[in-house]
Protein backbone atom coordinates (compact mmCIF):
# COMPACT_ATOMS: atom_id res chain seq x y z
CA MET A 1 14.35 7.24 1.06
CA ARG A 2 15.95 4.26 2.74
CA SER A 3 13.62 4.55 5.75
CA ILE A 4 10.56 4.48 3.49
CA GLY A 5 11.83 1.29 1.86
CA ARG A 6 12.40 -0.31 5.24
CA PHE A 7 8.95 0.75 6.41
CA LEU A 8 7.28 -0.70 3.32
CA THR A 9 9.27 -3.92 3.65
CA GLY A 10 8.21 -4.26 7.28
CA PHE A 11 4.64 -3.37 6.45
CA ILE A 12 4.40 -5.98 3.70
CA PHE A 13 6.17 -8.62 5.78
CA GLY A 14 3.89 -7.92 8.75
CA GLY A 15 0.84 -8.16 6.53
CA LEU A 16 1.97 -11.49 5.14
CA VAL A 17 2.69 -12.87 8.61
CA GLY A 18 -0.71 -11.67 9.81
CA LEU A 19 -2.40 -13.20 6.81
CA GLY A 20 -0.60 -16.49 7.36
CA MET A 21 -1.56 -16.60 11.02
CA THR A 22 -5.15 -15.78 10.13
CA LEU A 23 -5.28 -18.62 7.63
CA ILE A 24 -3.78 -21.07 10.13
CA LEU A 25 -5.94 -20.10 13.10
CA THR A 26 -9.24 -19.32 11.42
CA PRO A 27 -12.28 -21.54 11.93
CA HIS A 28 -13.59 -20.80 8.40
CA SER A 29 -13.60 -23.09 5.38
CA GLY A 30 -11.06 -22.86 2.60
CA GLU A 31 -13.55 -21.24 0.24
CA GLU A 32 -14.41 -18.56 2.80
CA ASN A 33 -10.71 -17.91 3.34
CA ARG A 34 -10.04 -17.59 -0.39
CA THR A 35 -12.93 -15.15 -0.74
CA TYR A 36 -11.61 -13.12 2.19
CA VAL A 37 -8.07 -13.06 0.78
CA VAL A 38 -9.26 -11.99 -2.67
CA LYS A 39 -11.35 -9.16 -1.18
CA TYR A 40 -8.47 -8.10 1.08
CA VAL A 41 -5.99 -8.04 -1.80
CA ASP A 42 -8.40 -6.02 -3.95
CA HIS A 43 -8.89 -3.57 -1.08
CA VAL A 44 -5.15 -3.18 -0.56
CA LYS A 45 -4.60 -2.67 -4.30
CA GLU A 46 -7.22 0.09 -4.32
CA GLU A 47 -5.62 1.79 -1.32
CA VAL A 48 -2.16 1.60 -2.86
CA GLN A 49 -3.45 3.03 -6.14
CA MET A 50 -5.17 5.89 -4.31
CA ALA A 51 -2.02 6.63 -2.30
CA MET A 52 0.04 6.50 -5.50
CA LEU A 53 -2.27 8.94 -7.30
CA GLU A 54 -2.25 11.34 -4.33
CA LYS A 55 1.54 11.24 -4.08
CA ARG A 56 1.91 11.67 -7.82
CA ALA A 57 -0.33 14.75 -7.79
CA GLU A 58 1.65 16.14 -4.86
CA LEU A 59 4.97 15.57 -6.62
CA GLU A 60 3.71 17.02 -9.90
CA GLN A 61 2.56 20.14 -8.05
CA GLU A 62 5.94 20.44 -6.35
CA LEU A 63 7.74 19.95 -9.67
CA ALA A 64 5.63 22.64 -11.32
CA HIS A 65 6.48 24.98 -8.46
CA LEU A 66 10.19 24.24 -8.80
CA ARG A 67 10.11 24.81 -12.56
CA GLN A 68 8.69 28.32 -12.17
CA PRO A 69 11.30 30.99 -12.75
CA GLN A 70 12.62 32.47 -9.53
CA THR A 71 12.29 36.25 -9.20
CA PRO A 72 14.70 38.09 -6.92
């Protein structure tokens, strides 16, 4: 569990650094950057929600399997 937390921390930190560098080095206007950031954040939120729903379904299936009575 600890490795997953470290991975997610690194992933988020890397994304923020990449976003910051993009904003600093981009030749686009501020409005274009804001539009890009809003779209990117919405996209990431959708992906995280999809991953969460998939993992939840997987865990619920595993829990249901574990709750079934064991026959010798």
